[in-house]
N, C-alpha and C. Protein backbone atom coordinates (compact mmCIF):
# COMPACT_ATOMS: atom_id res chain seq x y z
N MET A 1 4.74 92.83 63.79
CA MET A 1 4.35 92.50 65.15
C MET A 1 5.56 91.92 65.87
N ALA A 2 5.92 92.39 66.99
CA ALA A 2 7.10 91.98 67.75
C ALA A 2 6.86 90.61 68.37
N PRO A 3 7.88 89.72 68.37
CA PRO A 3 7.70 88.37 68.94
C PRO A 3 7.48 88.45 70.44
N THR A 4 6.70 87.56 70.87
CA THR A 4 6.46 87.50 72.32
C THR A 4 7.63 86.86 73.01
N SER A 5 7.63 86.93 74.33
CA SER A 5 8.71 86.32 75.12
C SER A 5 8.77 84.83 74.89
N SER A 6 7.60 84.19 74.71
CA SER A 6 7.55 82.75 74.49
C SER A 6 8.19 82.38 73.18
N GLN A 7 7.95 83.20 72.13
CA GLN A 7 8.56 82.93 70.82
C GLN A 7 10.07 83.10 70.88
N LYS A 8 10.55 84.12 71.58
CA LYS A 8 12.00 84.34 71.72
C LYS A 8 12.64 83.15 72.39
N SER A 9 11.97 82.63 73.40
CA SER A 9 12.53 81.51 74.14
C SER A 9 12.67 80.30 73.25
N ARG A 10 11.69 80.05 72.36
CA ARG A 10 11.76 78.89 71.48
C ARG A 10 12.90 79.03 70.48
N LYS A 11 13.11 80.26 69.97
CA LYS A 11 14.19 80.48 69.01
C LYS A 11 15.56 80.27 69.65
N VAL A 12 15.69 80.73 70.85
CA VAL A 12 16.96 80.57 71.56
C VAL A 12 17.23 79.10 71.78
N LYS A 13 16.23 78.38 72.20
CA LYS A 13 16.39 76.95 72.43
C LYS A 13 16.73 76.24 71.14
N ALA A 14 16.09 76.63 70.08
CA ALA A 14 16.36 76.01 68.79
C ALA A 14 17.78 76.27 68.36
N LEU A 15 18.28 77.49 68.55
CA LEU A 15 19.66 77.82 68.18
C LEU A 15 20.65 77.04 69.04
N LEU A 16 20.35 76.94 70.33
CA LEU A 16 21.23 76.19 71.21
C LEU A 16 21.27 74.73 70.83
N ALA A 17 20.12 74.19 70.51
CA ALA A 17 20.06 72.79 70.09
C ALA A 17 20.87 72.58 68.83
N GLY A 18 20.75 73.53 67.88
CA GLY A 18 21.53 73.45 66.66
C GLY A 18 23.01 73.51 66.94
N GLY A 19 23.39 74.36 67.89
CA GLY A 19 24.80 74.45 68.26
C GLY A 19 25.32 73.16 68.82
N LEU A 20 24.52 72.48 69.61
CA LEU A 20 24.96 71.20 70.17
C LEU A 20 25.15 70.18 69.08
N VAL A 21 24.25 70.17 68.12
CA VAL A 21 24.38 69.24 67.00
C VAL A 21 25.64 69.52 66.21
N LEU A 22 25.90 70.82 65.94
CA LEU A 22 27.11 71.19 65.21
C LEU A 22 28.36 70.82 65.99
N GLY A 23 28.32 70.97 67.30
CA GLY A 23 29.49 70.61 68.13
C GLY A 23 29.81 69.12 68.04
N VAL A 24 28.84 68.27 68.13
CA VAL A 24 29.07 66.83 68.01
C VAL A 24 29.57 66.47 66.63
N GLY A 25 29.00 67.12 65.63
CA GLY A 25 29.44 66.86 64.26
C GLY A 25 30.89 67.25 64.05
N ALA A 26 31.37 68.33 64.65
CA ALA A 26 32.75 68.78 64.52
C ALA A 26 33.70 67.78 65.17
N ALA A 27 33.34 67.21 66.30
CA ALA A 27 34.19 66.24 66.99
C ALA A 27 34.40 65.00 66.13
N VAL A 28 33.43 64.50 65.48
CA VAL A 28 33.54 63.34 64.60
C VAL A 28 34.41 63.65 63.40
N THR A 29 34.26 64.81 62.83
CA THR A 29 35.01 65.21 61.65
C THR A 29 36.51 65.31 61.94
N LEU A 30 36.92 65.67 63.18
CA LEU A 30 38.32 65.89 63.52
C LEU A 30 39.04 64.61 63.97
N ALA A 31 38.38 63.44 64.06
CA ALA A 31 39.03 62.20 64.47
C ALA A 31 40.12 61.81 63.47
N ALA A 32 41.35 61.40 63.97
CA ALA A 32 42.48 61.10 63.08
C ALA A 32 42.53 59.62 62.74
N TRP A 33 43.10 59.30 61.56
CA TRP A 33 43.36 57.91 61.19
C TRP A 33 44.60 57.42 61.94
N THR A 34 44.67 56.12 62.25
CA THR A 34 45.85 55.56 62.92
C THR A 34 46.37 54.34 62.16
N ASP A 35 47.64 54.09 62.32
CA ASP A 35 48.27 52.92 61.72
C ASP A 35 49.42 52.50 62.64
N GLN A 36 49.82 51.22 62.64
CA GLN A 36 50.86 50.75 63.56
C GLN A 36 51.90 49.91 62.83
N GLU A 37 53.12 49.90 63.39
CA GLU A 37 54.20 49.02 62.94
C GLU A 37 54.78 48.33 64.16
N TRP A 38 55.04 47.02 64.07
CA TRP A 38 55.59 46.25 65.17
C TRP A 38 56.82 45.48 64.70
N ALA A 39 57.74 45.19 65.61
CA ALA A 39 58.92 44.40 65.28
C ALA A 39 59.21 43.42 66.40
N THR A 40 59.74 42.26 66.06
CA THR A 40 60.10 41.26 67.07
C THR A 40 61.44 40.65 66.72
N GLY A 41 62.18 40.21 67.72
CA GLY A 41 63.47 39.57 67.49
C GLY A 41 63.60 38.34 68.37
N THR A 42 64.25 37.29 67.85
CA THR A 42 64.48 36.07 68.60
C THR A 42 65.98 35.92 68.83
N PHE A 43 66.38 35.60 70.05
CA PHE A 43 67.79 35.53 70.40
C PHE A 43 68.11 34.14 70.95
N SER A 44 69.16 33.54 70.42
CA SER A 44 69.58 32.21 70.86
C SER A 44 71.05 32.24 71.24
N ALA A 45 71.39 31.58 72.33
CA ALA A 45 72.78 31.51 72.76
C ALA A 45 73.56 30.57 71.86
N GLY A 46 74.81 30.92 71.59
CA GLY A 46 75.68 30.06 70.80
C GLY A 46 76.19 28.90 71.63
N THR A 47 76.94 27.99 71.02
CA THR A 47 77.55 26.87 71.73
C THR A 47 79.07 27.00 71.66
N PHE A 48 79.73 26.46 72.69
CA PHE A 48 81.18 26.55 72.74
C PHE A 48 81.72 25.28 73.36
N ASP A 49 82.62 24.62 72.63
CA ASP A 49 83.15 23.36 73.11
C ASP A 49 84.48 23.09 72.44
N ILE A 50 85.44 22.54 73.21
CA ILE A 50 86.68 22.07 72.60
C ILE A 50 86.80 20.59 72.87
N GLU A 51 87.59 19.90 72.06
CA GLU A 51 87.77 18.47 72.21
C GLU A 51 89.21 18.11 71.93
N GLY A 52 89.62 16.94 72.43
CA GLY A 52 91.00 16.53 72.29
C GLY A 52 91.14 15.16 71.66
N SER A 53 92.35 14.89 71.16
CA SER A 53 92.63 13.60 70.53
C SER A 53 94.09 13.23 70.74
N ILE A 54 94.35 11.95 70.98
CA ILE A 54 95.73 11.50 71.12
C ILE A 54 96.28 10.96 69.80
N ASP A 55 95.41 10.77 68.81
CA ASP A 55 95.87 10.23 67.53
C ASP A 55 95.49 11.10 66.33
N GLY A 56 94.76 12.19 66.58
CA GLY A 56 94.35 13.08 65.49
C GLY A 56 93.18 12.57 64.69
N THR A 57 92.64 11.42 65.08
CA THR A 57 91.52 10.82 64.34
C THR A 57 90.27 10.71 65.21
N THR A 58 90.44 10.16 66.40
CA THR A 58 89.32 10.00 67.33
C THR A 58 89.31 11.16 68.30
N TRP A 59 88.19 11.91 68.31
CA TRP A 59 88.08 13.12 69.12
C TRP A 59 87.00 12.94 70.18
N ALA A 60 87.25 13.50 71.35
CA ALA A 60 86.27 13.41 72.44
C ALA A 60 86.47 14.58 73.37
N SER A 61 85.48 14.80 74.24
CA SER A 61 85.57 15.84 75.25
C SER A 61 86.12 15.24 76.53
N HIS A 62 87.09 15.91 77.14
CA HIS A 62 87.69 15.47 78.41
C HIS A 62 87.57 16.64 79.38
N ALA A 63 86.39 16.78 79.96
CA ALA A 63 86.02 18.02 80.65
C ALA A 63 86.52 18.14 82.08
N SER A 64 87.12 17.09 82.63
CA SER A 64 87.61 17.15 84.00
C SER A 64 88.83 16.26 84.14
N SER A 65 89.54 16.39 85.26
CA SER A 65 90.72 15.56 85.47
C SER A 65 90.35 14.08 85.56
N GLY A 66 89.14 13.80 86.03
CA GLY A 66 88.69 12.41 86.10
C GLY A 66 88.40 11.81 84.75
N GLU A 67 88.23 12.66 83.73
CA GLU A 67 87.96 12.20 82.37
C GLU A 67 89.14 12.46 81.45
N ALA A 68 90.29 12.69 82.03
CA ALA A 68 91.47 13.08 81.24
C ALA A 68 91.83 12.02 80.21
N ALA A 69 92.28 12.48 79.05
CA ALA A 69 92.77 11.57 78.01
C ALA A 69 94.09 10.96 78.49
N ALA A 70 94.24 9.67 78.31
CA ALA A 70 95.45 8.98 78.75
C ALA A 70 96.50 9.05 77.64
N LEU A 71 97.57 9.80 77.88
CA LEU A 71 98.65 9.92 76.90
C LEU A 71 99.54 8.68 76.97
N SER A 72 99.82 8.11 75.82
CA SER A 72 100.66 6.91 75.77
C SER A 72 102.08 7.32 75.38
N PHE A 73 102.87 7.65 76.38
CA PHE A 73 104.25 8.05 76.12
C PHE A 73 105.04 6.87 75.57
N GLU A 74 106.19 7.19 75.01
CA GLU A 74 107.01 6.18 74.36
C GLU A 74 107.29 5.00 75.28
N LEU A 75 107.67 3.88 74.69
CA LEU A 75 107.73 2.61 75.40
C LEU A 75 108.55 2.66 76.68
N ASN A 76 109.65 3.39 76.69
CA ASN A 76 110.49 3.37 77.89
C ASN A 76 110.00 4.32 78.98
N ALA A 77 108.79 4.84 78.84
CA ALA A 77 108.24 5.71 79.88
C ALA A 77 108.00 4.93 81.17
N ASP A 78 107.87 3.61 81.06
CA ASP A 78 107.68 2.80 82.28
C ASP A 78 108.99 2.13 82.71
N ASN A 79 110.10 2.60 82.15
CA ASN A 79 111.41 2.04 82.51
C ASN A 79 112.47 3.13 82.44
N LEU A 80 112.17 4.26 83.06
CA LEU A 80 113.04 5.43 82.94
C LEU A 80 114.30 5.29 83.78
N THR A 81 115.34 5.94 83.29
CA THR A 81 116.56 6.13 84.06
C THR A 81 116.85 7.63 84.05
N PRO A 82 117.65 8.14 84.98
CA PRO A 82 117.94 9.58 85.02
C PRO A 82 118.44 10.10 83.67
N GLY A 83 117.86 11.21 83.25
CA GLY A 83 118.26 11.82 81.99
C GLY A 83 117.42 11.41 80.80
N ASP A 84 116.60 10.36 80.94
CA ASP A 84 115.74 9.94 79.83
C ASP A 84 114.67 10.99 79.52
N LYS A 85 114.32 11.08 78.25
CA LYS A 85 113.25 12.00 77.82
C LYS A 85 112.25 11.21 76.99
N VAL A 86 110.98 11.37 77.29
CA VAL A 86 109.91 10.72 76.53
C VAL A 86 108.93 11.78 76.05
N ALA A 87 108.18 11.46 75.01
CA ALA A 87 107.29 12.46 74.41
C ALA A 87 105.98 11.83 73.98
N GLU A 88 104.96 12.65 73.91
CA GLU A 88 103.65 12.24 73.39
C GLU A 88 102.90 13.48 72.94
N ALA A 89 102.05 13.28 71.93
CA ALA A 89 101.28 14.40 71.36
C ALA A 89 99.84 14.38 71.88
N PHE A 90 99.26 15.55 71.89
CA PHE A 90 97.84 15.72 72.24
C PHE A 90 97.31 16.87 71.42
N ALA A 91 96.25 16.61 70.65
CA ALA A 91 95.69 17.63 69.76
C ALA A 91 94.42 18.23 70.35
N LEU A 92 94.22 19.51 70.13
CA LEU A 92 93.02 20.21 70.57
C LEU A 92 92.39 20.93 69.40
N ARG A 93 91.07 21.04 69.43
CA ARG A 93 90.35 21.81 68.40
C ARG A 93 89.00 22.22 68.95
N THR A 94 88.37 23.19 68.30
CA THR A 94 86.99 23.53 68.64
C THR A 94 86.07 22.51 67.98
N ALA A 95 85.02 22.12 68.67
CA ALA A 95 84.11 21.11 68.16
C ALA A 95 83.18 21.69 67.10
N ALA A 96 82.60 20.81 66.32
CA ALA A 96 81.61 21.24 65.33
C ALA A 96 80.47 21.97 66.02
N GLY A 97 79.99 23.02 65.41
CA GLY A 97 78.94 23.83 66.01
C GLY A 97 79.48 24.98 66.83
N THR A 98 80.79 24.99 67.08
CA THR A 98 81.43 26.09 67.81
C THR A 98 81.94 27.10 66.80
N THR A 99 81.25 28.19 66.66
CA THR A 99 81.61 29.17 65.63
C THR A 99 82.43 30.33 66.18
N TYR A 100 82.94 30.18 67.40
CA TYR A 100 83.86 31.16 67.97
C TYR A 100 85.24 30.52 68.06
N GLY A 101 86.26 31.32 67.86
CA GLY A 101 87.61 30.86 68.13
C GLY A 101 87.82 30.79 69.64
N ALA A 102 88.94 30.20 70.06
CA ALA A 102 89.21 30.03 71.48
C ALA A 102 90.64 30.42 71.81
N THR A 103 90.80 31.00 72.99
CA THR A 103 92.12 31.25 73.56
C THR A 103 92.31 30.23 74.67
N VAL A 104 93.42 29.49 74.61
CA VAL A 104 93.63 28.37 75.52
C VAL A 104 94.80 28.65 76.46
N ASP A 105 94.58 28.36 77.74
CA ASP A 105 95.62 28.51 78.76
C ASP A 105 95.84 27.18 79.47
N LEU A 106 97.08 26.90 79.80
CA LEU A 106 97.39 25.76 80.66
C LEU A 106 97.14 26.20 82.10
N ILE A 107 96.19 25.56 82.77
CA ILE A 107 95.81 25.99 84.11
C ILE A 107 96.30 25.04 85.20
N GLU A 108 96.76 23.86 84.81
CA GLU A 108 97.30 22.93 85.81
C GLU A 108 98.34 22.02 85.18
N ALA A 109 99.41 21.76 85.92
CA ALA A 109 100.44 20.79 85.53
C ALA A 109 100.98 20.21 86.83
N SER A 110 100.37 19.14 87.26
CA SER A 110 100.71 18.57 88.56
C SER A 110 101.18 17.13 88.39
N SER A 111 101.88 16.63 89.41
CA SER A 111 102.37 15.26 89.38
C SER A 111 102.30 14.69 90.79
N ILE A 112 101.91 13.43 90.89
CA ILE A 112 101.86 12.75 92.19
C ILE A 112 102.63 11.43 92.10
N GLY A 113 103.09 10.95 93.22
CA GLY A 113 103.82 9.69 93.24
C GLY A 113 105.23 9.89 93.77
N ASP A 114 105.95 8.79 93.93
CA ASP A 114 107.29 8.82 94.50
C ASP A 114 108.25 9.70 93.70
N ASN A 115 108.08 9.70 92.39
CA ASN A 115 108.99 10.47 91.53
C ASN A 115 108.38 11.77 91.02
N ALA A 116 107.35 12.24 91.69
CA ALA A 116 106.68 13.47 91.25
C ALA A 116 107.64 14.64 91.14
N SER A 117 108.58 14.74 92.08
CA SER A 117 109.51 15.87 92.08
C SER A 117 110.76 15.61 91.24
N ASN A 118 110.83 14.44 90.65
CA ASN A 118 112.02 14.07 89.86
C ASN A 118 111.75 14.07 88.36
N LEU A 119 110.68 14.72 87.96
CA LEU A 119 110.34 14.85 86.54
C LEU A 119 110.16 16.32 86.20
N SER A 120 110.52 16.68 84.98
CA SER A 120 110.26 18.02 84.45
C SER A 120 109.64 17.86 83.07
N TYR A 121 109.10 18.94 82.55
CA TYR A 121 108.40 18.81 81.26
C TYR A 121 108.57 20.06 80.40
N GLU A 122 108.19 19.90 79.15
CA GLU A 122 108.16 20.99 78.18
C GLU A 122 106.97 20.75 77.25
N ILE A 123 106.32 21.82 76.78
CA ILE A 123 105.22 21.70 75.83
C ILE A 123 105.44 22.69 74.70
N PHE A 124 105.29 22.23 73.47
CA PHE A 124 105.36 23.12 72.31
C PHE A 124 104.48 22.54 71.21
N THR A 125 104.15 23.34 70.24
CA THR A 125 103.29 22.88 69.15
C THR A 125 104.14 22.28 68.03
N VAL A 126 103.55 21.32 67.34
CA VAL A 126 104.18 20.71 66.17
C VAL A 126 103.15 20.65 65.05
N PRO A 127 103.61 20.50 63.80
CA PRO A 127 102.66 20.50 62.68
C PRO A 127 101.67 19.33 62.69
N ALA A 128 102.12 18.15 63.15
CA ALA A 128 101.27 16.97 63.11
C ALA A 128 101.62 16.03 64.25
N ILE A 129 100.72 15.07 64.53
CA ILE A 129 100.92 14.10 65.61
C ILE A 129 102.27 13.39 65.47
N GLY A 130 102.59 12.96 64.28
CA GLY A 130 103.82 12.21 64.05
C GLY A 130 105.10 13.00 64.23
N ASP A 131 104.99 14.31 64.35
CA ASP A 131 106.17 15.15 64.52
C ASP A 131 106.61 15.26 65.98
N CYS A 132 105.84 14.69 66.89
CA CYS A 132 106.17 14.77 68.31
C CYS A 132 106.95 13.53 68.73
N ASN A 133 108.19 13.72 69.13
CA ASN A 133 109.02 12.63 69.65
C ASN A 133 110.07 13.24 70.57
N ALA A 134 110.88 12.40 71.17
CA ALA A 134 111.86 12.87 72.14
C ALA A 134 112.92 13.77 71.52
N ASP A 135 113.10 13.68 70.22
CA ASP A 135 114.12 14.49 69.55
C ASP A 135 113.57 15.81 68.99
N ALA A 136 112.27 15.98 69.02
CA ALA A 136 111.66 17.21 68.49
C ALA A 136 112.05 18.39 69.37
N THR A 137 112.06 19.57 68.77
CA THR A 137 112.40 20.78 69.51
C THR A 137 111.31 21.82 69.32
N ALA A 138 111.31 22.80 70.21
CA ALA A 138 110.31 23.87 70.15
C ALA A 138 110.46 24.71 68.89
N GLY A 139 111.57 24.57 68.21
CA GLY A 139 111.77 25.33 66.98
C GLY A 139 110.83 24.94 65.86
N THR A 140 110.17 23.78 66.01
CA THR A 140 109.23 23.35 64.98
C THR A 140 107.87 24.02 65.12
N GLY A 141 107.64 24.69 66.23
CA GLY A 141 106.35 25.34 66.45
C GLY A 141 106.47 26.41 67.50
N ALA A 142 105.38 26.65 68.21
CA ALA A 142 105.37 27.68 69.26
C ALA A 142 105.63 27.05 70.62
N SER A 143 106.45 27.69 71.43
CA SER A 143 106.72 27.20 72.78
C SER A 143 105.58 27.58 73.71
N ILE A 144 105.02 26.59 74.40
CA ILE A 144 103.94 26.82 75.36
C ILE A 144 104.51 26.85 76.78
N VAL A 145 105.34 25.86 77.11
CA VAL A 145 106.04 25.80 78.39
C VAL A 145 107.50 25.48 78.11
N SER A 146 108.39 26.21 78.70
CA SER A 146 109.82 26.04 78.42
C SER A 146 110.37 24.75 79.00
N THR A 147 111.47 24.28 78.42
CA THR A 147 112.08 23.03 78.86
C THR A 147 112.55 23.11 80.31
N GLY A 148 112.50 21.96 80.99
CA GLY A 148 112.96 21.90 82.37
C GLY A 148 111.99 22.44 83.40
N THR A 149 110.75 22.63 83.03
CA THR A 149 109.76 23.16 83.98
C THR A 149 109.32 22.07 84.95
N ALA A 150 109.33 22.38 86.22
CA ALA A 150 108.93 21.41 87.24
C ALA A 150 107.42 21.38 87.39
N PHE A 151 106.89 20.21 87.70
CA PHE A 151 105.47 20.10 88.03
C PHE A 151 105.23 20.77 89.39
N SER A 152 104.09 21.42 89.53
CA SER A 152 103.80 22.10 90.79
C SER A 152 102.30 22.18 91.00
N ALA A 153 101.91 22.54 92.22
CA ALA A 153 100.49 22.62 92.55
C ALA A 153 99.86 23.92 92.08
N GLY A 154 100.67 24.94 91.86
CA GLY A 154 100.13 26.23 91.45
C GLY A 154 99.87 26.32 89.95
N THR A 155 99.36 27.47 89.54
CA THR A 155 99.12 27.69 88.12
C THR A 155 100.45 27.82 87.39
N PRO A 156 100.68 27.01 86.37
CA PRO A 156 101.98 27.03 85.69
C PRO A 156 102.17 28.29 84.85
N THR A 157 103.43 28.61 84.61
CA THR A 157 103.75 29.70 83.70
C THR A 157 103.76 29.16 82.28
N ALA A 158 102.84 29.63 81.47
CA ALA A 158 102.70 29.09 80.12
C ALA A 158 102.24 30.18 79.16
N THR A 159 102.50 29.97 77.89
CA THR A 159 102.05 30.89 76.85
C THR A 159 100.71 30.41 76.31
N GLU A 160 99.74 31.30 76.27
CA GLU A 160 98.44 30.91 75.74
C GLU A 160 98.53 30.73 74.22
N PHE A 161 97.60 29.96 73.69
CA PHE A 161 97.56 29.75 72.24
C PHE A 161 96.11 29.77 71.78
N ASN A 162 95.90 29.86 70.48
CA ASN A 162 94.56 30.02 69.93
C ASN A 162 94.12 28.78 69.17
N LEU A 163 92.82 28.55 69.19
CA LEU A 163 92.19 27.53 68.36
C LEU A 163 91.24 28.22 67.39
N ALA A 164 91.29 27.80 66.16
CA ALA A 164 90.44 28.42 65.14
C ALA A 164 88.98 28.00 65.31
N ALA A 165 88.09 28.89 64.95
CA ALA A 165 86.66 28.58 64.99
C ALA A 165 86.31 27.55 63.93
N GLY A 166 85.28 26.81 64.19
CA GLY A 166 84.76 25.86 63.20
C GLY A 166 83.55 26.45 62.50
N SER A 167 82.59 25.62 62.23
CA SER A 167 81.34 26.05 61.61
C SER A 167 80.23 25.19 62.18
N THR A 168 79.03 25.43 61.73
CA THR A 168 77.90 24.64 62.23
C THR A 168 78.10 23.16 61.97
N ALA A 169 78.69 22.82 60.84
CA ALA A 169 78.84 21.41 60.46
C ALA A 169 80.22 20.83 60.74
N ASP A 170 81.25 21.67 60.77
CA ASP A 170 82.62 21.16 60.86
C ASP A 170 83.36 21.70 62.08
N ALA A 171 84.27 20.87 62.60
CA ALA A 171 85.13 21.31 63.69
C ALA A 171 86.21 22.24 63.16
N GLY A 172 86.84 23.00 64.06
CA GLY A 172 87.92 23.88 63.66
C GLY A 172 89.20 23.09 63.41
N SER A 173 90.16 23.71 62.78
CA SER A 173 91.44 23.04 62.54
C SER A 173 92.14 22.81 63.88
N SER A 174 92.91 21.74 63.96
CA SER A 174 93.50 21.34 65.23
C SER A 174 94.86 21.98 65.48
N THR A 175 95.20 22.08 66.75
CA THR A 175 96.54 22.47 67.20
C THR A 175 97.13 21.28 67.93
N VAL A 176 98.31 20.85 67.49
CA VAL A 176 98.94 19.66 68.07
C VAL A 176 100.01 20.09 69.07
N LEU A 177 99.85 19.62 70.30
CA LEU A 177 100.81 19.90 71.36
C LEU A 177 101.74 18.71 71.54
N CYS A 178 103.02 18.99 71.72
CA CYS A 178 103.99 17.94 72.00
C CYS A 178 104.45 18.07 73.45
N PHE A 179 104.21 17.03 74.24
CA PHE A 179 104.63 16.98 75.64
C PHE A 179 105.93 16.19 75.72
N GLN A 180 106.95 16.76 76.29
CA GLN A 180 108.20 16.04 76.54
C GLN A 180 108.44 16.03 78.05
N VAL A 181 108.69 14.86 78.59
CA VAL A 181 108.94 14.69 80.02
C VAL A 181 110.35 14.13 80.20
N THR A 182 111.11 14.73 81.09
CA THR A 182 112.50 14.33 81.33
C THR A 182 112.68 13.87 82.77
N ALA A 183 113.37 12.75 82.94
CA ALA A 183 113.65 12.22 84.28
C ALA A 183 114.88 12.91 84.86
N GLY A 184 114.78 13.34 86.10
CA GLY A 184 115.88 14.04 86.75
C GLY A 184 116.89 13.09 87.37
N THR A 185 118.00 13.67 87.84
CA THR A 185 119.07 12.86 88.41
C THR A 185 118.68 12.19 89.72
N GLY A 186 117.64 12.71 90.37
CA GLY A 186 117.21 12.13 91.65
C GLY A 186 116.15 11.07 91.49
N LEU A 187 115.96 10.56 90.28
CA LEU A 187 114.91 9.58 90.02
C LEU A 187 115.04 8.38 90.96
N ILE A 188 113.97 8.02 91.62
CA ILE A 188 113.96 6.91 92.58
C ILE A 188 113.70 5.61 91.85
N GLU A 189 114.57 4.65 92.05
CA GLU A 189 114.44 3.36 91.39
C GLU A 189 113.12 2.69 91.79
N GLY A 190 112.37 2.29 90.77
CA GLY A 190 111.10 1.60 91.01
C GLY A 190 109.95 2.51 91.39
N GLY A 191 110.21 3.80 91.50
CA GLY A 191 109.15 4.74 91.89
C GLY A 191 108.29 5.17 90.70
N ASP A 192 107.04 5.45 90.97
CA ASP A 192 106.11 5.89 89.92
C ASP A 192 105.74 7.36 90.09
N ALA A 193 105.18 7.92 89.03
CA ALA A 193 104.64 9.27 89.07
C ALA A 193 103.55 9.39 88.02
N THR A 194 102.51 10.10 88.35
CA THR A 194 101.42 10.35 87.39
C THR A 194 101.27 11.85 87.22
N ALA A 195 101.39 12.30 85.98
CA ALA A 195 101.29 13.73 85.68
C ALA A 195 99.93 14.04 85.08
N THR A 196 99.40 15.22 85.42
CA THR A 196 98.12 15.67 84.89
C THR A 196 98.25 17.10 84.39
N TRP A 197 97.80 17.32 83.17
CA TRP A 197 97.79 18.68 82.61
C TRP A 197 96.34 19.09 82.36
N GLY A 198 96.00 20.32 82.68
CA GLY A 198 94.65 20.82 82.43
C GLY A 198 94.68 22.10 81.62
N PHE A 199 93.83 22.18 80.62
CA PHE A 199 93.74 23.36 79.76
C PHE A 199 92.35 23.97 79.86
N GLU A 200 92.31 25.28 79.79
CA GLU A 200 91.02 25.99 79.81
C GLU A 200 90.92 26.90 78.58
N ALA A 201 89.81 26.76 77.88
CA ALA A 201 89.58 27.55 76.66
C ALA A 201 88.55 28.64 76.93
N THR A 202 88.81 29.83 76.43
CA THR A 202 87.88 30.96 76.55
C THR A 202 87.48 31.40 75.15
N SER A 203 86.18 31.56 74.95
CA SER A 203 85.71 31.95 73.61
C SER A 203 86.19 33.35 73.25
N GLN A 204 86.53 33.53 72.00
CA GLN A 204 86.95 34.82 71.49
C GLN A 204 85.73 35.55 70.93
N GLN A 205 85.48 36.76 71.43
CA GLN A 205 84.32 37.50 70.97
C GLN A 205 84.58 38.10 69.59
N PRO A 206 83.57 38.08 68.73
CA PRO A 206 83.77 38.61 67.37
C PRO A 206 83.95 40.11 67.37
């Protein structure tokens, strides 16, 4: 007996319904597994500092001309006559916690007072504080500023030098500078002069 139209309609609906069920089932079966990986990094800026000493024992930061270390030149520095030469040492190093080396430049060498134009200077390195005196010569170390250089308002002509890096706990090894100042023939009797030297250190990139 041939199915009636009503029976055909039910079969078609049943097949369609089955197809819908199969379609939903296929979508669930094809879902993919997922997994993730993440990474993070923390970045901290380093520290950079140099410090100076007039005796090689007590170290401090002298960050401006107003905080300049007072160099104690030899006794006759306050009783000069033309042709006299006096000397004093000044040591520089990188401070503890500064793990970069430094390149140092002399950025100022100025003098004020009645005898400002009647003084000249020289700077060179020496092995130790005690090696700096009026008789020392640049042959004992590296020449930073040549002998007979006049004080001036502009940037002085000087040779840069390096300071070794330290570590988190320790300062770097020191470089000792010897300053020699010579009185010129035009020295004014009873006149004073105050000299100021400024150094700038730039960190060396690894």
